[in-house]
């Protein structure tokens, strides 16, 4: 299932529910429908920065496996992997623009 975020400050951003759902729930929002008010934007931006930093730090501490030790399926998975911080970055940028223009962000409407 897809979730489309909208704000009058920018265009739309669509994400997979399985990627953004846990993040929204962690921040006290429902994935099906919601709003991030102008007053909430600062705390959401800070939370996204923390989540993305933790993701980058976790990936930096993971043991790198030599490609010679992987089969073709695992090589493809490794090559096609997209980190959580990379997935969140477009929405993070939307939040920053919305904050600057003092506009709320909505989804599921």
PDB file of N, CA and C in Angstrom:
ATOM      1  N   UNK A   1       0.837  -1.169   0.000  1.00  0.00           N
ATOM      2  CA  UNK A   1       0.000   0.000   0.000  1.00  0.00           C
ATOM      3  C   UNK A   1       0.887   1.240   0.000  1.00  0.00           C
ATOM      4  N   UNK A   2       0.402   2.282  -0.659  1.00  0.00           N
ATOM      5  CA  UNK A   2       1.146   3.529  -0.774  1.00  0.00           C
ATOM      6  C   UNK A   2       0.546   4.596   0.125  1.00  0.00           C
ATOM      7  N   UNK A   3       1.401   5.506   0.585  1.00  0.00           N
ATOM      8  CA  UNK A   3       0.986   6.657   1.383  1.00  0.00           C
ATOM      9  C   UNK A   3       1.500   7.891   0.653  1.00  0.00           C
ATOM     10  N   UNK A   4       0.595   8.835   0.354  1.00  0.00           N
ATOM     11  CA  UNK A   4       0.983  10.053  -0.345  1.00  0.00           C
ATOM     12  C   UNK A   4       0.894  11.235   0.611  1.00  0.00           C
ATOM     13  N   UNK A   5       2.017  11.912   0.790  1.00  0.00           N
ATOM     14  CA  UNK A   5       2.103  13.087   1.650  1.00  0.00           C
ATOM     15  C   UNK A   5       1.924  14.323   0.779  1.00  0.00           C
ATOM     16  N   UNK A   6       1.166  15.293   1.305  1.00  0.00           N
ATOM     17  CA  UNK A   6       0.870  16.506   0.555  1.00  0.00           C
ATOM     18  C   UNK A   6       1.032  17.729   1.450  1.00  0.00           C
ATOM     19  N   UNK A   7       1.468  18.808   0.836  1.00  0.00           N
ATOM     20  CA  UNK A   7       1.499  20.107   1.480  1.00  0.00           C
ATOM     21  C   UNK A   7       1.432  21.160   0.392  1.00  0.00           C
ATOM     22  N   UNK A   8       0.852  22.278   0.703  1.00  0.00           N
ATOM     23  CA  UNK A   8       0.786  23.343  -0.295  1.00  0.00           C
ATOM     24  C   UNK A   8       2.143  24.015  -0.482  1.00  0.00           C
ATOM     25  N   UNK A   9       3.135  23.638   0.318  1.00  0.00           N
ATOM     26  CA  UNK A   9       4.474  24.208   0.205  1.00  0.00           C
ATOM     27  C   UNK A   9       5.305  23.545  -0.892  1.00  0.00           C
ATOM     28  N   UNK A  10       4.962  22.285  -1.248  1.00  0.00           N
ATOM     29  CA  UNK A  10       5.735  21.540  -2.249  1.00  0.00           C
ATOM     30  C   UNK A  10       4.793  20.625  -3.026  1.00  0.00           C
ATOM     31  N   UNK A  11       5.363  19.749  -3.828  1.00  0.00           N
ATOM     32  CA  UNK A  11       4.592  18.713  -4.503  1.00  0.00           C
ATOM     33  C   UNK A  11       4.294  17.572  -3.553  1.00  0.00           C
ATOM     34  N   UNK A  12       3.847  16.467  -4.099  1.00  0.00           N
ATOM     35  CA  UNK A  12       3.514  15.283  -3.308  1.00  0.00           C
ATOM     36  C   UNK A  12       4.712  14.339  -3.215  1.00  0.00           C
ATOM     37  N   UNK A  13       4.722  13.540  -2.165  1.00  0.00           N
ATOM     38  CA  UNK A  13       5.702  12.469  -2.005  1.00  0.00           C
ATOM     39  C   UNK A  13       4.933  11.201  -1.664  1.00  0.00           C
ATOM     40  N   UNK A  14       5.198  10.139  -2.407  1.00  0.00           N
ATOM     41  CA  UNK A  14       4.533   8.864  -2.174  1.00  0.00           C
ATOM     42  C   UNK A  14       5.562   7.854  -1.690  1.00  0.00           C
ATOM     43  N   UNK A  15       5.197   7.137  -0.640  1.00  0.00           N
ATOM     44  CA  UNK A  15       6.079   6.145  -0.037  1.00  0.00           C
ATOM     45  C   UNK A  15       5.296   4.861   0.213  1.00  0.00           C
ATOM     46  N   UNK A  16       6.011   3.754   0.334  1.00  0.00           N
ATOM     47  CA  UNK A  16       5.375   2.508   0.726  1.00  0.00           C
ATOM     48  C   UNK A  16       5.005   2.576   2.201  1.00  0.00           C
ATOM     49  N   UNK A  17       3.804   2.086   2.507  1.00  0.00           N
ATOM     50  CA  UNK A  17       3.327   2.065   3.887  1.00  0.00           C
ATOM     51  C   UNK A  17       4.277   1.257   4.773  1.00  0.00           C
ATOM     52  N   UNK A  18       4.831   0.178   4.233  1.00  0.00           N
ATOM     53  CA  UNK A  18       5.729  -0.663   5.039  1.00  0.00           C
ATOM     54  C   UNK A  18       7.003   0.070   5.428  1.00  0.00           C
ATOM     55  N   UNK A  19       7.398   1.085   4.668  1.00  0.00           N
ATOM     56  CA  UNK A  19       8.609   1.845   4.992  1.00  0.00           C
ATOM     57  C   UNK A  19       8.325   2.981   5.977  1.00  0.00           C
ATOM     58  N   UNK A  20       7.254   3.727   5.738  1.00  0.00           N
ATOM     59  CA  UNK A  20       6.980   4.906   6.556  1.00  0.00           C
ATOM     60  C   UNK A  20       6.105   4.600   7.762  1.00  0.00           C
ATOM     61  N   UNK A  21       5.325   3.519   7.707  1.00  0.00           N
ATOM     62  CA  UNK A  21       4.410   3.191   8.799  1.00  0.00           C
ATOM     63  C   UNK A  21       5.069   3.109  10.165  1.00  0.00           C
ATOM     64  N   UNK A  22       6.138   2.319  10.313  1.00  0.00           N
ATOM     65  CA  UNK A  22       6.775   2.234  11.624  1.00  0.00           C
ATOM     66  C   UNK A  22       7.313   3.576  12.134  1.00  0.00           C
ATOM     67  N   UNK A  23       7.764   4.420  11.231  1.00  0.00           N
ATOM     68  CA  UNK A  23       8.283   5.730  11.624  1.00  0.00           C
ATOM     69  C   UNK A  23       7.144   6.607  12.134  1.00  0.00           C
ATOM     70  N   UNK A  24       6.042   6.640  11.383  1.00  0.00           N
ATOM     71  CA  UNK A  24       4.896   7.445  11.815  1.00  0.00           C
ATOM     72  C   UNK A  24       4.340   6.960  13.146  1.00  0.00           C
ATOM     73  N   UNK A  25       4.224   5.641  13.294  1.00  0.00           N
ATOM     74  CA  UNK A  25       3.703   5.094  14.554  1.00  0.00           C
ATOM     75  C   UNK A  25       4.626   5.430  15.719  1.00  0.00           C
ATOM     76  N   UNK A  26       5.927   5.376  15.482  1.00  0.00           N
ATOM     77  CA  UNK A  26       6.902   5.739  16.523  1.00  0.00           C
ATOM     78  C   UNK A  26       6.719   7.194  16.949  1.00  0.00           C
ATOM     79  N   UNK A  27       6.273   8.034  15.999  1.00  0.00           N
ATOM     80  CA  UNK A  27       6.082   9.456  16.277  1.00  0.00           C
ATOM     81  C   UNK A  27       4.639   9.803  16.661  1.00  0.00           C
ATOM     82  N   UNK A  28       3.826   8.759  16.896  1.00  0.00           N
ATOM     83  CA  UNK A  28       2.476   8.973  17.405  1.00  0.00           C
ATOM     84  C   UNK A  28       1.425   9.300  16.356  1.00  0.00           C
ATOM     85  N   UNK A  29       1.689   8.938  15.105  1.00  0.00           N
ATOM     86  CA  UNK A  29       0.734   9.202  14.031  1.00  0.00           C
ATOM     87  C   UNK A  29       0.261   7.889  13.416  1.00  0.00           C
ATOM     88  N   UNK A  30      -0.944   7.900  12.850  1.00  0.00           N
ATOM     89  CA  UNK A  30      -1.488   6.743  12.145  1.00  0.00           C
ATOM     90  C   UNK A  30      -1.045   6.804  10.693  1.00  0.00           C
ATOM     91  N   UNK A  31      -0.714   5.665  10.120  1.00  0.00           N
ATOM     92  CA  UNK A  31      -0.228   5.629   8.752  1.00  0.00           C
ATOM     93  C   UNK A  31      -1.359   5.816   7.742  1.00  0.00           C
ATOM     94  N   UNK A  32      -2.574   5.455   8.104  1.00  0.00           N
ATOM     95  CA  UNK A  32      -3.686   5.524   7.160  1.00  0.00           C
ATOM     96  C   UNK A  32      -4.071   6.958   6.810  1.00  0.00           C
ATOM     97  N   UNK A  33      -4.049   7.838   7.804  1.00  0.00           N
ATOM     98  CA  UNK A  33      -4.482   9.217   7.599  1.00  0.00           C
ATOM     99  C   UNK A  33      -3.927  10.068   8.716  1.00  0.00           C
ATOM    100  N   UNK A  34      -3.494  11.277   8.370  1.00  0.00           N
ATOM    101  CA  UNK A  34      -2.990  12.131   9.426  1.00  0.00           C
ATOM    102  C   UNK A  34      -2.561  13.499   8.946  1.00  0.00           C
ATOM    103  N   UNK A  35      -2.116  14.265   9.907  1.00  0.00           N
ATOM    104  CA  UNK A  35      -1.637  15.614   9.639  1.00  0.00           C
ATOM    105  C   UNK A  35      -0.472  15.908  10.579  1.00  0.00           C
ATOM    106  N   UNK A  36       0.505  16.593  10.054  1.00  0.00           N
ATOM    107  CA  UNK A  36       1.576  17.157  10.877  1.00  0.00           C
ATOM    108  C   UNK A  36       1.332  18.656  10.847  1.00  0.00           C
ATOM    109  N   UNK A  37       0.913  19.191  11.961  1.00  0.00           N
ATOM    110  CA  UNK A  37       0.582  20.610  12.026  1.00  0.00           C
ATOM    111  C   UNK A  37       1.846  21.451  11.976  1.00  0.00           C
ATOM    112  N   UNK A  38       1.661  22.725  11.722  1.00  0.00           N
ATOM    113  CA  UNK A  38       2.789  23.654  11.681  1.00  0.00           C
ATOM    114  C   UNK A  38       3.533  23.611  13.020  1.00  0.00           C
ATOM    115  N   UNK A  39       2.804  23.517  14.103  1.00  0.00           N
ATOM    116  CA  UNK A  39       3.412  23.465  15.428  1.00  0.00           C
ATOM    117  C   UNK A  39       4.207  22.191  15.694  1.00  0.00           C
ATOM    118  N   UNK A  40       3.890  21.108  14.990  1.00  0.00           N
ATOM    119  CA  UNK A  40       4.579  19.833  15.166  1.00  0.00           C
ATOM    120  C   UNK A  40       5.800  19.673  14.256  1.00  0.00           C
ATOM    121  N   UNK A  41       5.926  20.522  13.254  1.00  0.00           N
ATOM    122  CA  UNK A  41       6.978  20.333  12.247  1.00  0.00           C
ATOM    123  C   UNK A  41       8.375  20.299  12.847  1.00  0.00           C
ATOM    124  N   UNK A  42       8.672  21.192  13.771  1.00  0.00           N
ATOM    125  CA  UNK A  42      10.017  21.226  14.350  1.00  0.00           C
ATOM    126  C   UNK A  42      10.365  19.913  15.038  1.00  0.00           C
ATOM    127  N   UNK A  43       9.450  19.377  15.827  1.00  0.00           N
ATOM    128  CA  UNK A  43       9.732  18.119  16.524  1.00  0.00           C
ATOM    129  C   UNK A  43       9.842  16.956  15.542  1.00  0.00           C
ATOM    130  N   UNK A  44       9.058  16.971  14.469  1.00  0.00           N
ATOM    131  CA  UNK A  44       9.151  15.913  13.458  1.00  0.00           C
ATOM    132  C   UNK A  44      10.480  15.995  12.706  1.00  0.00           C
ATOM    133  N   UNK A  45      10.907  17.191  12.373  1.00  0.00           N
ATOM    134  CA  UNK A  45      12.195  17.360  11.692  1.00  0.00           C
ATOM    135  C   UNK A  45      13.319  16.839  12.575  1.00  0.00           C
ATOM    136  N   UNK A  46      13.300  17.188  13.839  1.00  0.00           N
ATOM    137  CA  UNK A  46      14.319  16.697  14.767  1.00  0.00           C
ATOM    138  C   UNK A  46      14.265  15.180  14.899  1.00  0.00           C
ATOM    139  N   UNK A  47      13.076  14.625  14.954  1.00  0.00           N
ATOM    140  CA  UNK A  47      12.928  13.167  15.061  1.00  0.00           C
ATOM    141  C   UNK A  47      13.463  12.481  13.812  1.00  0.00           C
ATOM    142  N   UNK A  48      13.158  13.019  12.631  1.00  0.00           N
ATOM    143  CA  UNK A  48      13.674  12.450  11.385  1.00  0.00           C
ATOM    144  C   UNK A  48      15.199  12.515  11.359  1.00  0.00           C
ATOM    145  N   UNK A  49      15.769  13.633  11.796  1.00  0.00           N
ATOM    146  CA  UNK A  49      17.226  13.764  11.830  1.00  0.00           C
ATOM    147  C   UNK A  49      17.840  12.697  12.733  1.00  0.00           C
ATOM    148  N   UNK A  50      17.215  12.459  13.881  1.00  0.00           N
ATOM    149  CA  UNK A  50      17.711  11.446  14.817  1.00  0.00           C
ATOM    150  C   UNK A  50      17.590  10.047  14.214  1.00  0.00           C
ATOM    151  N   UNK A  51      16.450   9.732  13.629  1.00  0.00           N
ATOM    152  CA  UNK A  51      16.231   8.412  13.026  1.00  0.00           C
ATOM    153  C   UNK A  51      17.224   8.168  11.900  1.00  0.00           C
ATOM    154  N   UNK A  52      17.426   9.168  11.055  1.00  0.00           N
ATOM    155  CA  UNK A  52      18.350   9.011   9.924  1.00  0.00           C
ATOM    156  C   UNK A  52      19.792   8.874  10.408  1.00  0.00           C
ATOM    157  N   UNK A  53      20.172   9.636  11.428  1.00  0.00           N
ATOM    158  CA  UNK A  53      21.522   9.530  11.978  1.00  0.00           C
ATOM    159  C   UNK A  53      21.754   8.155  12.606  1.00  0.00           C
ATOM    160  N   UNK A  54      20.759   7.651  13.344  1.00  0.00           N
ATOM    161  CA  UNK A  54      20.876   6.320  13.946  1.00  0.00           C
ATOM    162  C   UNK A  54      20.998   5.247  12.870  1.00  0.00           C
ATOM    163  N   UNK A  55      20.250   5.386  11.783  1.00  0.00           N
ATOM    164  CA  UNK A  55      20.318   4.426  10.685  1.00  0.00           C
ATOM    165  C   UNK A  55      21.712   4.441  10.048  1.00  0.00           C
ATOM    166  N   UNK A  56      22.234   5.637   9.791  1.00  0.00           N
ATOM    167  CA  UNK A  56      23.578   5.734   9.194  1.00  0.00           C
ATOM    168  C   UNK A  56      24.636   5.165  10.135  1.00  0.00           C
ATOM    169  N   UNK A  57      24.505   5.430  11.427  1.00  0.00           N
ATOM    170  CA  UNK A  57      25.460   4.913  12.402  1.00  0.00           C
ATOM    171  C   UNK A  57      25.390   3.390  12.477  1.00  0.00           C
ATOM    172  N   UNK A  58      24.196   2.844  12.468  1.00  0.00           N
ATOM    173  CA  UNK A  58      24.038   1.392  12.516  1.00  0.00           C
ATOM    174  C   UNK A  58      24.658   0.740  11.297  1.00  0.00           C
ATOM    175  N   UNK A  59      24.418   1.294  10.125  1.00  0.00           N
ATOM    176  CA  UNK A  59      24.993   0.726   8.905  1.00  0.00           C
ATOM    177  C   UNK A  59      26.513   0.846   8.891  1.00  0.00           C
ATOM    178  N   UNK A  60      27.049   1.903   9.512  1.00  0.00           N
ATOM    179  CA  UNK A  60      28.497   2.096   9.548  1.00  0.00           C
ATOM    180  C   UNK A  60      29.179   1.057  10.432  1.00  0.00           C
ATOM    181  N   UNK A  61      28.457   0.542  11.427  1.00  0.00           N
ATOM    182  CA  UNK A  61      29.043  -0.431  12.339  1.00  0.00           C
ATOM    183  C   UNK A  61      28.851  -1.871  11.879  1.00  0.00           C
ATOM    184  N   UNK A  62      28.025  -2.065  10.841  1.00  0.00           N
ATOM    185  CA  UNK A  62      27.813  -3.423  10.343  1.00  0.00           C
ATOM    186  C   UNK A  62      29.077  -3.926   9.648  1.00  0.00           C
ATOM    187  N   UNK A  63      29.309  -5.207   9.790  1.00  0.00           N
ATOM    188  CA  UNK A  63      30.468  -5.836   9.181  1.00  0.00           C
ATOM    189  C   UNK A  63      30.233  -5.929   7.668  1.00  0.00           C
ATOM    190  N   UNK A  64      31.180  -5.440   6.913  1.00  0.00           N
ATOM    191  CA  UNK A  64      31.086  -5.496   5.454  1.00  0.00           C
ATOM    192  C   UNK A  64      31.528  -6.875   4.985  1.00  0.00           C
ATOM    193  N   UNK A  65      30.667  -7.540   4.218  1.00  0.00           N
ATOM    194  CA  UNK A  65      30.959  -8.871   3.704  1.00  0.00           C
ATOM    195  C   UNK A  65      31.521  -8.727   2.301  1.00  0.00           C
ATOM    196  N   UNK A  66      32.595  -9.410   2.042  1.00  0.00           N
ATOM    197  CA  UNK A  66      33.224  -9.397   0.727  1.00  0.00           C
ATOM    198  C   UNK A  66      32.261 -10.007  -0.297  1.00  0.00           C
ATOM    199  N   UNK A  67      32.124  -9.350  -1.451  1.00  0.00           N
ATOM    200  CA  UNK A  67      31.219  -9.836  -2.493  1.00  0.00           C
ATOM    201  C   UNK A  67      31.562 -11.246  -2.961  1.00  0.00           C
ATOM    202  N   UNK A  68      32.810 -11.649  -2.849  1.00  0.00           N
ATOM    203  CA  UNK A  68      33.211 -12.988  -3.274  1.00  0.00           C
ATOM    204  C   UNK A  68      32.561 -14.076  -2.418  1.00  0.00           C
ATOM    205  N   UNK A  69      32.126 -13.697  -1.218  1.00  0.00           N
ATOM    206  CA  UNK A  69      31.515 -14.661  -0.307  1.00  0.00           C
ATOM    207  C   UNK A  69      30.000 -14.772  -0.505  1.00  0.00           C
ATOM    208  N   UNK A  70      29.438 -13.960  -1.385  1.00  0.00           N
ATOM    209  CA  UNK A  70      27.989 -13.936  -1.588  1.00  0.00           C
ATOM    210  C   UNK A  70      27.593 -14.642  -2.869  1.00  0.00           C
ATOM    211  N   UNK A  71      26.391 -15.240  -2.850  1.00  0.00           N
ATOM    212  CA  UNK A  71      25.868 -15.808  -4.099  1.00  0.00           C
ATOM    213  C   UNK A  71      25.211 -14.676  -4.897  1.00  0.00           C
ATOM    214  N   UNK A  72      24.753 -14.970  -6.088  1.00  0.00           N
ATOM    215  CA  UNK A  72      24.220 -13.934  -6.979  1.00  0.00           C
ATOM    216  C   UNK A  72      22.985 -13.242  -6.399  1.00  0.00           C
ATOM    217  N   UNK A  73      22.130 -13.988  -5.718  1.00  0.00           N
ATOM    218  CA  UNK A  73      20.927 -13.401  -5.123  1.00  0.00           C
ATOM    219  C   UNK A  73      21.309 -12.405  -4.039  1.00  0.00           C
ATOM    220  N   UNK A  74      22.247 -12.779  -3.174  1.00  0.00           N
ATOM    221  CA  UNK A  74      22.681 -11.876  -2.111  1.00  0.00           C
ATOM    222  C   UNK A  74      23.424 -10.668  -2.672  1.00  0.00           C
ATOM    223  N   UNK A  75      24.164 -10.845  -3.746  1.00  0.00           N
ATOM    224  CA  UNK A  75      24.840  -9.713  -4.386  1.00  0.00           C
ATOM    225  C   UNK A  75      23.814  -8.711  -4.911  1.00  0.00           C
ATOM    226  N   UNK A  76      22.734  -9.227  -5.509  1.00  0.00           N
ATOM    227  CA  UNK A  76      21.686  -8.346  -6.020  1.00  0.00           C
ATOM    228  C   UNK A  76      20.995  -7.616  -4.880  1.00  0.00           C
ATOM    229  N   UNK A  77      20.702  -8.314  -3.790  1.00  0.00           N
ATOM    230  CA  UNK A  77      20.078  -7.682  -2.628  1.00  0.00           C
ATOM    231  C   UNK A  77      20.963  -6.560  -2.089  1.00  0.00           C
ATOM    232  N   UNK A  78      22.251  -6.827  -1.994  1.00  0.00           N
ATOM    233  CA  UNK A  78      23.193  -5.830  -1.489  1.00  0.00           C
ATOM    234  C   UNK A  78      23.253  -4.625  -2.425  1.00  0.00           C
ATOM    235  N   UNK A  79      23.282  -4.873  -3.701  1.00  0.00           N
ATOM    236  CA  UNK A  79      23.373  -3.811  -4.707  1.00  0.00           C
ATOM    237  C   UNK A  79      22.096  -2.967  -4.725  1.00  0.00           C
ATOM    238  N   UNK A  80      20.934  -3.602  -4.532  1.00  0.00           N
ATOM    239  CA  UNK A  80      19.648  -2.914  -4.622  1.00  0.00           C
ATOM    240  C   UNK A  80      19.168  -2.340  -3.289  1.00  0.00           C
ATOM    241  N   UNK A  81      19.916  -2.538  -2.225  1.00  0.00           N
ATOM    242  CA  UNK A  81      19.506  -2.092  -0.894  1.00  0.00           C
ATOM    243  C   UNK A  81      19.369  -0.567  -0.836  1.00  0.00           C
ATOM    244  N   UNK A  82      18.273  -0.103  -0.233  1.00  0.00           N
ATOM    245  CA  UNK A  82      18.060   1.320  -0.006  1.00  0.00           C
ATOM    246  C   UNK A  82      17.881   1.511   1.504  1.00  0.00           C
ATOM    247  N   UNK A  83      18.703   2.334   2.091  1.00  0.00           N
ATOM    248  CA  UNK A  83      18.670   2.530   3.538  1.00  0.00           C
ATOM    249  C   UNK A  83      17.426   3.309   3.972  1.00  0.00           C
ATOM    250  N   UNK A  84      17.101   3.190   5.245  1.00  0.00           N
ATOM    251  CA  UNK A  84      15.976   3.928   5.808  1.00  0.00           C
ATOM    252  C   UNK A  84      16.223   5.426   5.689  1.00  0.00           C
ATOM    253  N   UNK A  85      17.440   5.870   5.951  1.00  0.00           N
ATOM    254  CA  UNK A  85      17.720   7.302   5.873  1.00  0.00           C
ATOM    255  C   UNK A  85      17.522   7.822   4.450  1.00  0.00           C
ATOM    256  N   UNK A  86      17.880   7.025   3.451  1.00  0.00           N
ATOM    257  CA  UNK A  86      17.658   7.437   2.061  1.00  0.00           C
ATOM    258  C   UNK A  86      16.168   7.474   1.731  1.00  0.00           C
ATOM    259  N   UNK A  87      15.415   6.542   2.274  1.00  0.00           N
ATOM    260  CA  UNK A  87      13.968   6.521   2.023  1.00  0.00           C
ATOM    261  C   UNK A  87      13.274   7.717   2.679  1.00  0.00           C
ATOM    262  N   UNK A  88      13.735   8.117   3.852  1.00  0.00           N
ATOM    263  CA  UNK A  88      13.104   9.210   4.593  1.00  0.00           C
ATOM    264  C   UNK A  88      13.508  10.593   4.090  1.00  0.00           C
ATOM    265  N   UNK A  89      14.626  10.695   3.402  1.00  0.00           N
ATOM    266  CA  UNK A  89      15.172  12.000   3.036  1.00  0.00           C
ATOM    267  C   UNK A  89      14.193  12.889   2.258  1.00  0.00           C
ATOM    268  N   UNK A  90      13.478  12.391   1.236  1.00  0.00           N
ATOM    269  CA  UNK A  90      12.545  13.278   0.532  1.00  0.00           C
ATOM    270  C   UNK A  90      11.445  13.840   1.446  1.00  0.00           C
ATOM    271  N   UNK A  91      10.921  13.021   2.329  1.00  0.00           N
ATOM    272  CA  UNK A  91       9.890  13.493   3.254  1.00  0.00           C
ATOM    273  C   UNK A  91      10.488  14.482   4.250  1.00  0.00           C
ATOM    274  N   UNK A  92      11.692  14.222   4.686  1.00  0.00           N
ATOM    275  CA  UNK A  92      12.415  15.141   5.578  1.00  0.00           C
ATOM    276  C   UNK A  92      12.549  16.515   4.906  1.00  0.00           C
ATOM    277  N   UNK A  93      12.936  16.525   3.647  1.00  0.00           N
ATOM    278  CA  UNK A  93      13.062  17.784   2.901  1.00  0.00           C
ATOM    279  C   UNK A  93      11.708  18.482   2.779  1.00  0.00           C
ATOM    280  N   UNK A  94      10.645  17.697   2.553  1.00  0.00           N
ATOM    281  CA  UNK A  94       9.302  18.273   2.485  1.00  0.00           C
ATOM    282  C   UNK A  94       8.945  18.948   3.803  1.00  0.00           C
ATOM    283  N   UNK A  95       9.255  18.290   4.911  1.00  0.00           N
ATOM    284  CA  UNK A  95       8.964  18.858   6.223  1.00  0.00           C
ATOM    285  C   UNK A  95       9.688  20.177   6.432  1.00  0.00           C
ATOM    286  N   UNK A  96      10.936  20.248   6.001  1.00  0.00           N
ATOM    287  CA  UNK A  96      11.712  21.482   6.158  1.00  0.00           C
ATOM    288  C   UNK A  96      11.121  22.629   5.335  1.00  0.00           C
ATOM    289  N   UNK A  97      10.708  22.342   4.109  1.00  0.00           N
ATOM    290  CA  UNK A  97      10.096  23.377   3.268  1.00  0.00           C
ATOM    291  C   UNK A  97       8.755  23.795   3.859  1.00  0.00           C
ATOM    292  N   UNK A  98       7.971  22.830   4.317  1.00  0.00           N
ATOM    293  CA  UNK A  98       6.676  23.134   4.927  1.00  0.00           C
ATOM    294  C   UNK A  98       6.860  24.013   6.166  1.00  0.00           C
ATOM    295  N   UNK A  99       7.887  23.736   6.944  1.00  0.00           N
ATOM    296  CA  UNK A  99       8.155  24.549   8.127  1.00  0.00           C
ATOM    297  C   UNK A  99       8.520  25.979   7.722  1.00  0.00           C
ATOM    298  N   UNK A 100       9.373  26.084   6.735  1.00  0.00           N
ATOM    299  CA  UNK A 100       9.801  27.409   6.273  1.00  0.00           C
ATOM    300  C   UNK A 100       8.608  28.230   5.775  1.00  0.00           C
ATOM    301  N   UNK A 101       7.673  27.567   5.087  1.00  0.00           N
ATOM    302  CA  UNK A 101       6.510  28.264   4.529  1.00  0.00           C
ATOM    303  C   UNK A 101       5.301  28.224   5.465  1.00  0.00           C
ATOM    304  N   UNK A 102       5.474  27.613   6.639  1.00  0.00           N
ATOM    305  CA  UNK A 102       4.419  27.524   7.649  1.00  0.00           C
ATOM    306  C   UNK A 102       3.153  26.861   7.101  1.00  0.00           C
ATOM    307  N   UNK A 103       3.335  25.659   6.520  1.00  0.00           N
ATOM    308  CA  UNK A 103       2.233  24.869   5.962  1.00  0.00           C
ATOM    309  C   UNK A 103       2.222  23.496   6.598  1.00  0.00           C
ATOM    310  N   UNK A 104       1.059  22.938   6.825  1.00  0.00           N
ATOM    311  CA  UNK A 104       0.938  21.595   7.391  1.00  0.00           C
ATOM    312  C   UNK A 104       1.174  20.538   6.307  1.00  0.00           C
ATOM    313  N   UNK A 105       1.458  19.325   6.753  1.00  0.00           N
ATOM    314  CA  UNK A 105       1.637  18.171   5.854  1.00  0.00           C
ATOM    315  C   UNK A 105       0.536  17.178   6.193  1.00  0.00           C
ATOM    316  N   UNK A 106      -0.160  16.696   5.143  1.00  0.00           N
ATOM    317  CA  UNK A 106      -1.265  15.772   5.348  1.00  0.00           C
ATOM    318  C   UNK A 106      -1.056  14.516   4.513  1.00  0.00           C
ATOM    319  N   UNK A 107      -1.745  13.435   4.863  1.00  0.00           N
ATOM    320  CA  UNK A 107      -1.754  12.209   4.084  1.00  0.00           C
ATOM    321  C   UNK A 107      -3.042  11.449   4.362  1.00  0.00           C
ATOM    322  N   UNK A 108      -3.422  10.628   3.389  1.00  0.00           N
ATOM    323  CA  UNK A 108      -4.588   9.752   3.538  1.00  0.00           C
ATOM    324  C   UNK A 108      -5.926  10.431   3.415  1.00  0.00           C
ATOM    325  N   UNK A 109      -5.959  11.602   2.834  1.00  0.00           N
ATOM    326  CA  UNK A 109      -7.244  12.305   2.693  1.00  0.00           C
ATOM    327  C   UNK A 109      -7.715  12.265   1.256  1.00  0.00           C
TER     328      UNK A 109
END
